[in-house]
Every structure is written in structure tokens, then in C-alpha cells.
């Protein structure tokens, strides 16, 4: 048996629940993030994603000796991108080490080489005699930096595990007591002051390079900017999907990709176990359920209906009541994101309603999103979604105002953007939207008419609880002016044009 030590800076394969082993790096956790009690684990930052998690030691393998094994058993675009990110990281690390070595004084380098070679040589020899690869000790992994360490970090050698001489002999721990339990059991429950329960997924679903699709038949109604990307990812990950769209021609591309065609919403629901819908507004959502040949006509006991549209909580309550009155099961699951994030399968899903439906949708949410949250009773997700979009819409209007004020006062708009992107407000959203504005590119990623609708609904929600929303109200007026300038079907960033006309 060879003892393998893990320490901060090591590259590893980390297994998170039912997700495939994923490449990551052991790093220092944020100072305000406490280590789970009673668990020997490391804080791992995963490559190719924005995800990180505490991973139990028995769920970790060193990167290099298991690389070929993992590549053989895992497939998927995101998995390959993650592996590529590791290799790029290693190239940069190697380049820095070589640059540092070449800059040293020759005599000093020779002396340190003789001095430093003695003990490592014995360690390598010991490993090879026992049938192990040198990288098992992390020798091929990047050295930890002092800045990566904190007083709360475990000692580099304080956590270790044993493995046989042959690396393939390692078994992932899948015991019931493992912290990497299925999504239905890995939920963090937070009791709020209001008495409502907010349940957040304990890990991200972004690691979806290899998903085991549900055997349930999936229906999808609405192939707009968001729905199209969602359906495409469901199909790519092996789900059986039946589609319907008001404009039937939009279904053709997905039929070619393997989807089935439903002639009406009622037919889709009757054919499928779980039916999702994603349409433009409350009226469209109601018409889809209550209209001729609508969803309600296909609902039977046990059928699941998932409303993904961004609507008001009153609409959700109404739809939930009519679906459940027929014996159906209801879940709301609006998504935060854009067309690009939908295409990339990186949406954030806010769910509420029937918890068992949420769990049944696990593989679907993994395919379409990076994170999912379960927020309790139906209506809570609609409220949270409107608040998020209210903030986003107001922020976009403020940025447009700043850009036009910079121009009006003789300042460079590009310099204004460069300064913003170097400060605390820096974000991909900010950079992309501003660059598109400066290029005059208003191709829709999120329709302006839809963000204005969300602002209107958020303001109405505030009125219903006697809560002031003056910032949202001001932003809403700017978007209304942009709509009057025929910007409804452009991207939300076209609110910029309301300031220059």
C-alpha cells in the first residue's frame, strides 16, 4: 500500500453525488465558509465551471494517474472543455516554472539542483518500486502558493488516504452515509423569519457533461428564445421530448434532432409524463392551459405540469389550482438567464410547488441549468423571479443612462466601460451588454418587451404588499419610452435608445 497525501494546490478528480468525476483543484476555502463537521474533506474548485464544493477525501483521486481512466468513462462537451482547461492550466504553470528557473544565476541553480535532488530522488524510487506513478504524490501538480493558505487550512499531510499499487483499484464511496447523496437528499433547508421554507440545492447542476436522463416522457410547449435552448439541451442529454409551438414551423429543427411532434398542448400532455411550458406572459400562460385543446384537457391523475414562464404569483396560484383539481401535479420553475445561457445549458432554475415533481425533474434541470433552487410553496418562485428581473432591468437602464451621460459630457463611452469592468461592478452581463450597445448590436438575448413586462409585474407585486418600488417605476418608464420607439423586439439593452431620441 502506498500512502497518498492530498494538499492545497493538488489537481484531483472529485465525485459529487450522481454527477461524473470532474477535474478540479484543491484550494483554500473562503474565510467565512466553515468546514463541514465530522468530515475529512477538501474544498475543491472545479475546472470549466464556476462551481466549488467540500468533497470528502474518499471521493477524491489524484488527477494524473486517473486521467486516461476518467476520459474513457466520461463523455460530453463540457467534460472535454473542463479537461482542456486543466491542460491549459498545466501549460501555464510549467511555463512560469521554466521562466523562473532560467532567470536564476547559473551557479546558484547548479548548487540548489545538487542540494534539492537528493531526497526527491529517494521518494520517486520508493513509489516506482511499489508500482505507483510519481504523480500520485502530487509531484506533477502545481505547487501551493503561500497566498492559497490560511490559518484555517488543514495541514498538507493531515488528511490522507490509502490506495493499492494499481490506480484502477480505487472504488468511489457510494455508501448511504456519504455526503454525496442524490439531489433529493442533498438539500439545504433554511427556515426564514416568515416561517416559509427556502430549500436550496446543496450543489450546482452545472457538471452535466454526463447525465443519466429520466425514463419519463417529456413534453415541451413554447420554442421561443429560452425554450429553444432548453429543448435542444434536453435532446442532447438523451431525453425523450415531444414538442409543440404556436408557430408550428419552429418545431421542424427539433424534429430533425429527434423530438416528437404534438399537434396540440392537450395531446402533448396526454402523451407525456412531465410537460414543461415556457411562454411570454401571464395571458399566454393562461391561454395555454385553459384555452381550446389546452393543457387542462390532457391532464389526468399523476400527470405533471411545470410552468417555466415568468409570470405573476396570482397566475401561478390559478394554474396550480386548476391542474391539481384534475389530479395533476404542479411545479413552477421560471429560469434566470438569457438566450445564450439557455443555449449553453447554464440557466438558474427557481422552482416551487410539488416537491416530488421537482425531484422527478432532476435530470431535466441538470441538462438545462447550472443550478436549481426549490423555494417552497407555489408562487414563491414567481415572486423571486420578478424581484431578480426588477433588479436586472433597473440596472440595465442605469447603465444606459450612464453611457449616454458620458457621451453628453464629452467623455469616452469605451473608457467609462473599461473603468466599470475594472471595479466592483464588473460582470459578464455588464461587459456584454455595454459592448453590444457601443457596437449598435441589439439582437435579442432577452426581449426588451419582456423585461418591461417583468418590471410592471414587480411594481404591481410591490403595490399588493404596500412596498415602494420607486427605482423600478422610474426604470419602467424608460423601457416604455423605448417600446414607443419600436424597440420591443430588440434586446433589453436597446433601452439605451430611449436616451438618445
Protein backbone atom coordinates (compact mmCIF):
# COMPACT_ATOMS: atom_id res chain seq x y z
CA UNK A 1 0.00 0.00 0.00
CA UNK A 2 1.29 3.45 -0.92
CA UNK A 3 0.28 6.44 1.16
CA UNK A 4 -1.04 9.28 -0.98
CA UNK A 5 -1.18 12.77 0.54
CA UNK A 6 -3.54 15.47 -0.69
CA UNK A 7 -2.82 19.09 -0.13
CA UNK A 8 -3.86 22.54 -1.28
CA UNK A 9 -2.79 23.09 -4.87
CA UNK A 10 -3.18 19.47 -5.96
CA UNK A 11 -5.18 18.62 -9.07
CA UNK A 12 -7.80 15.96 -8.43
CA UNK A 13 -10.86 14.18 -9.73
CA UNK A 14 -13.79 14.95 -7.46
CA UNK A 15 -17.03 12.99 -7.42
CA UNK A 16 -20.14 14.93 -6.47
CA UNK A 17 -23.23 12.79 -5.92
CA UNK A 18 -24.57 11.27 -9.11
CA UNK A 19 -22.51 13.58 -11.28
CA UNK A 20 -19.50 12.15 -13.12
CA UNK A 21 -15.99 12.55 -11.66
CA UNK A 22 -14.84 16.07 -12.58
CA UNK A 23 -11.37 17.66 -12.68
CA UNK A 24 -10.66 20.26 -10.03
CA UNK A 25 -8.03 21.83 -7.84
CA UNK A 26 -7.85 21.76 -4.06
CA UNK A 27 -7.92 25.39 -2.89
CA UNK A 28 -8.32 27.31 0.34
CA UNK A 29 -11.98 27.89 1.20
CA UNK A 30 -13.28 31.44 1.74
CA UNK A 31 -12.60 32.58 5.28
CA UNK A 32 -16.31 32.80 6.07
CA UNK A 33 -17.05 29.27 4.83
CA UNK A 34 -16.86 26.70 7.58
CA UNK A 35 -15.69 23.16 7.02
CA UNK A 36 -18.46 20.53 7.49
CA UNK A 37 -18.30 18.92 10.90
CA UNK A 38 -17.06 15.37 11.30
CA UNK A 39 -15.95 15.02 7.71
CA UNK A 40 -12.43 14.69 6.33
CA UNK A 41 -12.78 16.73 3.19
CA UNK A 42 -11.14 19.31 0.97
CA UNK A 43 -12.52 22.41 -0.72
CA UNK A 44 -12.37 21.85 -4.49
CA UNK A 45 -12.74 24.37 -7.31
CA UNK A 46 -13.89 22.58 -10.47
CA UNK A 47 -12.42 23.40 -13.88
CA UNK A 48 -14.68 24.53 -16.71
CA UNK A 49 -17.40 25.73 -14.32
CA UNK A 50 -17.91 28.29 -11.60
CA UNK A 51 -18.60 25.52 -9.11
CA UNK A 52 -16.86 24.60 -5.89
CA UNK A 53 -17.72 22.28 -3.01
CA UNK A 54 -16.45 20.45 0.05
CA UNK A 55 -15.60 16.94 -1.17
CA UNK A 56 -14.95 14.01 1.15
CA UNK A 57 -11.47 12.55 0.88
CA UNK A 58 -12.75 9.16 -0.27
CA UNK A 59 -14.45 10.92 -3.21
CA UNK A 60 -11.14 12.34 -4.49
CA UNK A 61 -8.49 10.86 -6.77
CA UNK A 62 -5.24 12.47 -7.92
CA UNK A 63 -5.58 13.88 -11.42
CA UNK A 64 -2.67 12.44 -13.38
CA UNK A 65 -2.75 8.70 -12.61
CA UNK A 66 -6.50 8.57 -13.28
CA UNK A 67 -6.70 10.87 -16.29
CA UNK A 68 -6.94 8.20 -19.01
CA UNK A 69 -9.42 6.18 -16.96
CA UNK A 70 -11.73 9.17 -16.50
CA UNK A 71 -11.58 10.29 -20.10
CA UNK A 72 -12.63 6.80 -21.21
CA UNK A 73 -15.72 6.64 -18.98
CA UNK A 74 -16.89 10.26 -19.32
CA UNK A 75 -18.16 11.97 -22.44
CA UNK A 76 -19.72 15.30 -23.23
CA UNK A 77 -18.72 18.73 -24.48
CA UNK A 78 -18.48 20.32 -21.04
CA UNK A 79 -16.39 17.48 -19.68
CA UNK A 80 -13.90 17.85 -22.55
CA UNK A 81 -13.81 21.61 -22.01
CA UNK A 82 -13.00 21.01 -18.35
CA UNK A 83 -10.14 18.65 -19.22
CA UNK A 84 -8.84 21.19 -21.76
CA UNK A 85 -8.92 23.85 -19.04
CA UNK A 86 -6.76 21.63 -16.80
CA UNK A 87 -4.22 21.08 -19.56
CA UNK A 88 -4.09 24.81 -20.29
CA UNK A 89 -3.56 25.47 -16.59
CA UNK A 90 -0.69 22.96 -16.52
CA UNK A 91 0.94 24.55 -19.57
CA UNK A 92 0.84 27.98 -17.96
CA UNK A 93 2.19 26.62 -14.69
CA UNK A 94 5.02 24.83 -16.47
CA UNK A 95 5.86 27.96 -18.44
CA UNK A 96 6.08 30.05 -15.28
CA UNK A 97 8.33 27.45 -13.61
CA UNK A 98 10.66 27.34 -16.63
CA UNK A 99 10.81 31.12 -16.80
CA UNK A 100 11.67 31.34 -13.14
CA UNK A 101 14.34 28.64 -13.48
CA UNK A 102 16.02 30.30 -16.48
CA UNK A 103 16.26 33.62 -14.69
CA UNK A 104 18.32 32.20 -11.84
CA UNK A 105 22.07 32.57 -11.60
CA UNK A 106 23.81 29.50 -13.10
CA UNK A 107 25.99 28.80 -10.08
CA UNK A 108 23.08 29.21 -7.69
CA UNK A 109 20.93 26.97 -9.88
CA UNK A 110 23.57 24.24 -10.02
CA UNK A 111 24.10 24.32 -6.27
CA UNK A 112 20.39 24.19 -5.50
CA UNK A 113 19.96 21.39 -8.03
CA UNK A 114 22.53 19.21 -6.29
CA UNK A 115 21.13 20.05 -2.88
CA UNK A 116 17.49 19.57 -3.79
CA UNK A 117 17.79 16.40 -5.83
CA UNK A 118 18.81 14.04 -3.04
CA UNK A 119 15.60 13.42 -1.08
CA UNK A 120 13.13 13.67 -4.00
CA UNK A 121 15.13 11.00 -5.81
CA UNK A 122 14.52 8.55 -2.98
CA UNK A 123 10.82 9.35 -2.89
CA UNK A 124 10.43 8.66 -6.60
CA UNK A 125 12.33 5.41 -6.32
CA UNK A 126 10.10 4.28 -3.46
CA UNK A 127 6.96 4.93 -5.44
CA UNK A 128 8.17 3.14 -8.54
CA UNK A 129 9.16 0.10 -6.53
CA UNK A 130 5.62 -0.11 -5.19
CA UNK A 131 4.08 0.13 -8.65
CA UNK A 132 2.79 3.68 -8.34
CA UNK A 133 3.12 6.68 -10.60
CA UNK A 134 5.11 9.68 -9.39
CA UNK A 135 2.12 11.94 -9.77
CA UNK A 136 0.30 10.04 -7.03
CA UNK A 137 2.14 12.22 -4.53
CA UNK A 138 1.05 15.35 -6.34
CA UNK A 139 4.52 15.75 -7.84
CA UNK A 140 3.10 16.73 -11.22
CA UNK A 141 0.54 19.06 -9.67
CA UNK A 142 1.18 22.78 -9.17
CA UNK A 143 2.95 23.78 -6.00
CA UNK A 144 0.78 25.51 -3.49
CA UNK A 145 1.30 29.23 -3.08
CA UNK A 146 1.52 30.94 0.28
CA UNK A 147 -1.42 33.10 -0.70
CA UNK A 148 -3.56 29.97 -1.05
CA UNK A 149 -3.11 29.09 2.61
CA UNK A 150 -4.90 30.44 5.66
CA UNK A 151 -4.88 29.67 9.36
CA UNK A 152 -7.99 27.57 8.88
CA UNK A 153 -6.47 25.31 6.24
CA UNK A 154 -5.64 21.70 7.13
CA UNK A 155 -2.01 20.77 7.25
CA UNK A 156 -0.86 19.42 3.87
CA UNK A 157 -0.27 15.96 5.29
CA UNK A 158 -3.05 15.87 7.87
CA UNK A 159 -5.56 14.29 5.50
CA UNK A 160 -4.58 11.24 3.53
CA UNK A 161 -5.97 8.06 2.03
CA UNK A 162 -4.53 4.73 1.00
CA UNK A 163 -4.79 3.10 -2.36
CA UNK A 164 -3.40 -0.10 -3.88
CA UNK A 165 -0.35 -0.03 -6.08
CA UNK A 166 -2.53 -0.13 -9.19
CA UNK A 167 -4.52 3.09 -9.56
CA UNK A 168 -7.55 1.40 -11.11
CA UNK A 169 -8.18 -0.47 -7.88
CA UNK A 170 -9.75 2.59 -6.23
CA UNK A 171 -13.50 2.46 -5.58
CA UNK A 172 -15.71 5.55 -5.19
CA UNK A 173 -17.59 5.54 -1.90
CA UNK A 174 -21.30 5.31 -2.58
CA UNK A 175 -22.47 4.38 0.88
CA UNK A 176 -25.80 5.75 2.13
CA UNK A 177 -23.95 7.85 4.67
CA UNK A 178 -21.90 9.63 2.02
CA UNK A 179 -22.26 13.39 1.77
CA UNK A 180 -22.65 12.94 -1.97
CA UNK A 181 -26.21 11.66 -1.88
CA UNK A 182 -28.75 12.08 -4.71
CA UNK A 183 -30.12 15.56 -5.29
CA UNK A 184 -33.35 14.70 -3.49
CA UNK A 185 -31.37 14.14 -0.28
CA UNK A 186 -28.69 16.81 -0.68
CA UNK A 187 -30.82 19.83 0.14
CA UNK A 188 -30.01 22.67 2.45
CA UNK A 189 -33.10 23.85 4.30
CA UNK A 190 -33.25 27.37 5.68
CA UNK A 191 -36.08 28.45 7.96
CA UNK A 192 -36.79 32.13 7.36
CA UNK A 193 -38.34 34.64 9.75
CA UNK A 194 -41.59 34.49 7.80
CA UNK A 195 -41.98 30.82 8.63
CA UNK A 196 -41.71 29.79 4.98
CA UNK A 197 -39.12 27.25 3.97
CA UNK A 198 -36.44 28.01 1.41
CA UNK A 199 -34.69 24.92 0.13
CA UNK A 200 -31.54 25.33 -1.89
CA UNK A 201 -29.76 22.62 -3.85
CA UNK A 202 -26.57 21.82 -1.98
CA UNK A 203 -24.52 21.79 -5.18
CA UNK A 204 -24.67 23.09 -8.71
CA UNK A 205 -26.03 21.10 -11.61
CA UNK A 206 -23.51 22.64 -13.99
CA UNK A 207 -21.42 19.49 -14.04
CA UNK A 208 -23.68 17.97 -16.66
CA UNK A 209 -21.22 16.58 -19.16
CA UNK A 210 -22.64 13.12 -18.46
CA UNK A 211 -26.29 12.87 -17.38
CA UNK A 212 -28.46 9.83 -16.94
CA UNK A 213 -31.74 11.05 -18.46
CA UNK A 214 -35.02 10.20 -16.79
CA UNK A 215 -37.05 7.44 -18.41
CA UNK A 216 -40.14 9.64 -18.11
CA UNK A 217 -41.57 11.08 -21.31
CA UNK A 218 -41.01 14.82 -21.52
CA UNK A 219 -43.26 17.37 -23.24
CA UNK A 220 -42.32 20.96 -24.01
CA UNK A 221 -44.63 23.79 -25.04
CA UNK A 222 -43.14 27.02 -26.40
CA UNK A 223 -39.99 27.28 -28.52
CA UNK A 224 -39.05 30.93 -28.09
CA UNK A 225 -35.65 32.38 -27.18
CA UNK A 226 -35.45 30.43 -23.93
CA UNK A 227 -37.48 27.33 -24.81
CA UNK A 228 -35.44 26.53 -27.91
CA UNK A 229 -32.17 26.29 -25.99
CA UNK A 230 -33.79 24.25 -23.23
CA UNK A 231 -35.26 21.69 -25.62
CA UNK A 232 -32.00 21.41 -27.53
CA UNK A 233 -30.14 20.54 -24.32
CA UNK A 234 -32.80 18.06 -23.21
CA UNK A 235 -32.40 16.24 -26.52
CA UNK A 236 -28.59 16.34 -26.40
CA UNK A 237 -28.63 14.71 -22.98
CA UNK A 238 -30.81 11.84 -24.17
CA UNK A 239 -34.30 12.81 -23.01
CA UNK A 240 -37.37 11.72 -24.97
CA UNK A 241 -39.10 15.00 -25.85
CA UNK A 242 -42.38 15.85 -27.56
CA UNK A 243 -42.69 19.50 -28.66
CA UNK A 244 -45.42 21.93 -29.59
CA UNK A 245 -45.29 25.57 -30.61
CA UNK A 246 -47.96 28.02 -31.69
CA UNK A 247 -45.92 28.63 -34.87
CA UNK A 248 -45.51 25.01 -35.97
CA UNK A 249 -42.54 25.71 -38.27
CA UNK A 250 -40.32 26.25 -35.21
CA UNK A 251 -40.73 22.57 -34.36
CA UNK A 252 -39.08 21.37 -37.57
CA UNK A 253 -35.48 21.77 -36.40
CA UNK A 254 -36.15 19.82 -33.20
CA UNK A 255 -37.96 17.06 -35.08
CA UNK A 256 -34.77 16.67 -37.11
CA UNK A 257 -32.81 16.39 -33.84
CA UNK A 258 -35.04 13.58 -32.62
CA UNK A 259 -38.01 15.26 -30.95
CA UNK A 260 -41.57 14.11 -31.49
CA UNK A 261 -44.34 16.45 -32.61
CA UNK A 262 -47.53 17.13 -30.68
CA UNK A 263 -50.45 18.64 -32.58
CA UNK A 264 -51.95 20.45 -29.56
CA UNK A 265 -50.96 21.20 -25.95
CA UNK A 266 -53.61 18.70 -24.80
CA UNK A 267 -52.09 15.98 -26.98
CA UNK A 268 -48.58 16.65 -25.65
CA UNK A 269 -49.76 16.43 -22.05
CA UNK A 270 -51.69 13.23 -22.69
CA UNK A 271 -48.64 11.63 -24.34
CA UNK A 272 -46.08 12.68 -21.71
CA UNK A 273 -45.39 12.17 -18.02
CA UNK A 274 -43.94 15.65 -17.41
CA UNK A 275 -44.82 18.66 -19.57
CA UNK A 276 -42.90 21.94 -19.41
CA UNK A 277 -44.12 25.24 -20.81
CA UNK A 278 -42.23 28.47 -21.45
CA UNK A 279 -44.24 31.32 -22.97
CA UNK A 280 -44.15 35.11 -22.98
CA UNK A 281 -46.54 36.43 -20.34
CA UNK A 282 -49.44 35.66 -17.96
CA UNK A 283 -52.09 35.78 -20.69
CA UNK A 284 -50.18 33.34 -22.88
CA UNK A 285 -49.64 31.02 -19.88
CA UNK A 286 -53.37 31.04 -19.01
CA UNK A 287 -54.45 30.54 -22.64
CA UNK A 288 -52.11 27.59 -22.98
CA UNK A 289 -53.71 25.83 -20.02
CA UNK A 290 -57.33 26.97 -20.21
CA UNK A 291 -57.81 27.57 -23.95
CA UNK A 292 -59.19 25.22 -26.65
CA UNK A 293 -57.21 21.97 -26.83
CA UNK A 294 -55.22 23.31 -23.90
CA UNK A 295 -53.16 21.65 -21.22
CA UNK A 296 -56.09 21.15 -18.87
CA UNK A 297 -57.85 18.89 -21.37
CA UNK A 298 -54.90 16.50 -21.34
CA UNK A 299 -54.37 16.43 -17.56
CA UNK A 300 -55.08 13.11 -15.87
CA UNK A 301 -54.23 11.95 -12.33
CA UNK A 302 -50.47 11.78 -11.91
CA UNK A 303 -49.61 13.95 -14.93
CA UNK A 304 -47.01 16.63 -14.13
CA UNK A 305 -47.11 20.20 -15.41
CA UNK A 306 -44.12 22.54 -14.99
CA UNK A 307 -44.68 26.26 -15.69
CA UNK A 308 -41.37 27.89 -16.64
CA UNK A 309 -42.76 31.23 -17.81
CA UNK A 310 -42.01 34.41 -15.84
CA UNK A 311 -45.46 35.43 -14.62
CA UNK A 312 -47.09 36.94 -11.53
CA UNK A 313 -47.76 34.81 -8.43
CA UNK A 314 -51.54 35.15 -8.90
CA UNK A 315 -51.31 33.42 -12.27
CA UNK A 316 -49.25 30.62 -10.72
CA UNK A 317 -51.81 30.14 -7.95
CA UNK A 318 -54.63 29.93 -10.50
CA UNK A 319 -52.80 27.43 -12.73
CA UNK A 320 -51.76 25.32 -9.76
CA UNK A 321 -55.34 25.09 -8.55
CA UNK A 322 -56.82 24.05 -11.90
CA UNK A 323 -54.07 21.48 -12.58
CA UNK A 324 -54.32 19.85 -9.16
CA UNK A 325 -58.14 19.90 -9.31
CA UNK A 326 -57.86 17.36 -12.14
CA UNK A 327 -55.46 15.17 -10.18
CA UNK A 328 -52.38 16.64 -11.84
CA UNK A 329 -49.11 17.60 -10.10
CA UNK A 330 -47.87 21.17 -10.45
CA UNK A 331 -44.46 22.84 -10.26
CA UNK A 332 -43.41 26.35 -11.25
CA UNK A 333 -39.83 26.68 -12.47
CA UNK A 334 -39.04 30.06 -14.05
CA UNK A 335 -35.46 30.48 -15.20
CA UNK A 336 -32.97 33.28 -14.73
CA UNK A 337 -30.72 33.80 -17.73
CA UNK A 338 -30.66 34.69 -21.40
CA UNK A 339 -30.82 33.04 -24.79
CA UNK A 340 -27.07 32.42 -24.72
CA UNK A 341 -27.19 30.86 -21.25
CA UNK A 342 -30.17 28.78 -22.35
CA UNK A 343 -28.21 27.51 -25.36
CA UNK A 344 -25.24 26.73 -23.11
CA UNK A 345 -27.34 24.85 -20.56
CA UNK A 346 -26.31 27.32 -17.83
CA UNK A 347 -29.64 28.71 -16.62
CA UNK A 348 -30.54 29.20 -12.97
CA UNK A 349 -33.82 27.43 -12.17
CA UNK A 350 -36.16 28.64 -9.43
CA UNK A 351 -38.73 26.00 -8.52
CA UNK A 352 -41.71 25.89 -6.16
CA UNK A 353 -44.78 23.74 -5.70
CA UNK A 354 -44.86 19.94 -5.62
CA UNK A 355 -41.51 18.81 -4.22
CA UNK A 356 -41.82 15.33 -5.73
CA UNK A 357 -42.16 16.85 -9.22
CA UNK A 358 -39.00 18.86 -8.57
CA UNK A 359 -37.17 15.64 -7.79
CA UNK A 360 -38.63 13.90 -10.86
CA UNK A 361 -37.27 16.78 -12.99
CA UNK A 362 -33.72 16.36 -11.67
CA UNK A 363 -32.09 15.16 -14.91
CA UNK A 364 -34.00 17.77 -16.92
CA UNK A 365 -32.80 20.59 -14.69
CA UNK A 366 -29.24 19.25 -14.91
CA UNK A 367 -29.46 19.36 -18.71
CA UNK A 368 -30.81 22.90 -18.93
CA UNK A 369 -29.19 24.66 -15.98
CA UNK A 370 -26.17 25.09 -13.77
CA UNK A 371 -28.13 25.48 -10.52
CA UNK A 372 -31.64 24.80 -9.29
CA UNK A 373 -33.38 26.08 -6.16
CA UNK A 374 -36.55 24.76 -4.54
CA UNK A 375 -38.33 27.62 -2.79
CA UNK A 376 -41.34 26.00 -1.16
CA UNK A 377 -44.99 26.60 -1.98
CA UNK A 378 -46.25 27.58 -5.44
CA UNK A 379 -45.92 31.31 -6.06
CA UNK A 380 -42.61 31.76 -4.27
CA UNK A 381 -40.56 31.19 -7.42
CA UNK A 382 -42.64 33.74 -9.35
CA UNK A 383 -42.05 36.32 -6.61
CA UNK A 384 -38.30 35.67 -6.52
CA UNK A 385 -38.04 35.75 -10.31
CA UNK A 386 -39.81 39.11 -10.56
CA UNK A 387 -37.53 40.59 -7.90
CA UNK A 388 -34.43 39.37 -9.74
CA UNK A 389 -35.63 40.74 -13.08
CA UNK A 390 -36.65 44.01 -11.46
CA UNK A 391 -33.08 44.46 -10.23
CA UNK A 392 -31.60 43.43 -13.59
CA UNK A 393 -33.91 45.69 -15.60
CA UNK A 394 -33.26 48.68 -13.35
CA UNK A 395 -29.52 48.05 -13.53
CA UNK A 396 -29.58 47.91 -17.34
CA UNK A 397 -31.47 51.21 -17.53
CA UNK A 398 -28.98 52.84 -15.15
CA UNK A 399 -26.02 51.65 -17.24
CA UNK A 400 -27.66 53.04 -20.40
CA UNK A 401 -28.17 56.34 -18.59
CA UNK A 402 -24.52 56.41 -17.56
CA UNK A 403 -23.29 55.68 -21.09
CA UNK A 404 -25.37 58.47 -22.61
CA UNK A 405 -24.42 60.94 -19.86
CA UNK A 406 -20.74 60.15 -20.51
CA UNK A 407 -21.26 60.94 -24.19
CA UNK A 408 -23.20 64.13 -23.42
CA UNK A 409 -20.40 65.43 -21.19
CA UNK A 410 -17.65 64.68 -23.68
CA UNK A 411 -16.36 61.53 -22.01
CA UNK A 412 -15.33 58.36 -23.81
CA UNK A 413 -18.01 55.68 -23.51
CA UNK A 414 -15.41 52.95 -24.01
CA UNK A 415 -13.28 54.38 -21.21
CA UNK A 416 -16.37 54.53 -18.99
CA UNK A 417 -16.95 50.83 -19.69
CA UNK A 418 -13.28 49.96 -19.14
CA UNK A 419 -13.36 51.64 -15.73
CA UNK A 420 -16.59 49.86 -14.76
CA UNK A 421 -15.13 46.50 -15.76
CA UNK A 422 -12.11 47.04 -13.52
CA UNK A 423 -14.23 47.85 -10.48
CA UNK A 424 -16.62 46.11 -8.12
CA UNK A 425 -19.48 46.06 -10.63
CA UNK A 426 -17.51 44.06 -13.19
CA UNK A 427 -19.52 41.18 -14.66
CA UNK A 428 -20.02 39.29 -17.90
CA UNK A 429 -23.51 40.80 -18.13
CA UNK A 430 -22.18 44.35 -17.85
CA UNK A 431 -19.38 43.84 -20.38
CA UNK A 432 -21.51 42.06 -22.98
CA UNK A 433 -24.43 44.47 -22.83
CA UNK A 434 -22.24 47.57 -22.99
CA UNK A 435 -20.10 46.22 -25.82
CA UNK A 436 -23.26 45.43 -27.78
CA UNK A 437 -24.54 48.96 -27.20
CA UNK A 438 -21.27 50.51 -28.40
CA UNK A 439 -21.38 48.27 -31.49
CA UNK A 440 -25.04 49.07 -32.16
CA UNK A 441 -25.90 45.38 -31.84
CA UNK A 442 -29.33 44.90 -30.28
CA UNK A 443 -30.02 41.35 -31.41
CA UNK A 444 -32.33 39.96 -28.71
CA UNK A 445 -30.80 37.85 -25.96
CA UNK A 446 -33.68 38.83 -23.65
CA UNK A 447 -36.50 40.82 -25.25
CA UNK A 448 -36.93 44.41 -24.13
CA UNK A 449 -40.72 43.94 -24.06
CA UNK A 450 -40.30 41.04 -21.64
CA UNK A 451 -38.09 42.89 -19.15
CA UNK A 452 -40.60 45.76 -19.21
CA UNK A 453 -43.37 43.27 -18.50
CA UNK A 454 -41.37 41.91 -15.57
CA UNK A 455 -40.83 45.41 -14.18
CA UNK A 456 -44.56 46.10 -14.46
CA UNK A 457 -45.41 42.88 -12.64
CA UNK A 458 -42.81 43.55 -9.94
CA UNK A 459 -44.20 47.03 -9.32
CA UNK A 460 -47.70 45.57 -9.07
CA UNK A 461 -46.43 42.95 -6.61
CA UNK A 462 -44.90 45.72 -4.51
CA UNK A 463 -48.21 47.59 -4.51
CA UNK A 464 -50.02 44.46 -3.31
CA UNK A 465 -47.93 44.42 -0.12
CA UNK A 466 -47.70 48.21 0.18
CA UNK A 467 -43.96 48.20 -0.56
CA UNK A 468 -42.49 51.15 -2.52
CA UNK A 469 -40.60 50.44 -5.75
CA UNK A 470 -39.59 53.93 -6.98
CA UNK A 471 -36.40 52.80 -8.73
CA UNK A 472 -38.24 50.10 -10.67
CA UNK A 473 -41.03 52.55 -11.50
CA UNK A 474 -38.53 55.03 -12.96
CA UNK A 475 -36.82 52.30 -14.99
CA UNK A 476 -40.19 51.05 -16.21
CA UNK A 477 -40.96 54.47 -17.71
CA UNK A 478 -37.68 54.43 -19.64
CA UNK A 479 -38.48 50.98 -21.07
CA UNK A 480 -41.98 52.16 -22.01
CA UNK A 481 -40.38 55.01 -23.95
CA UNK A 482 -38.06 52.52 -25.69
CA UNK A 483 -41.11 50.43 -26.66
CA UNK A 484 -42.72 53.55 -28.11
CA UNK A 485 -39.57 53.91 -30.23
CA UNK A 486 -40.24 50.42 -31.69
CA UNK A 487 -37.59 48.62 -29.61
CA UNK A 488 -39.89 45.92 -28.16
CA UNK A 489 -38.40 43.04 -30.14
CA UNK A 490 -34.80 44.14 -29.64
CA UNK A 491 -32.60 43.16 -26.72
CA UNK A 492 -33.23 44.78 -23.34
CA UNK A 493 -30.03 46.80 -23.85
CA UNK A 494 -31.90 48.77 -26.53
CA UNK A 495 -33.26 50.82 -23.63
CA UNK A 496 -30.17 52.88 -24.48
CA UNK A 497 -32.07 54.30 -27.44
CA UNK A 498 -34.66 55.83 -25.12
CA UNK A 499 -31.96 58.28 -24.01
CA UNK A 500 -30.71 59.34 -27.42
CA UNK A 501 -34.04 60.10 -29.14
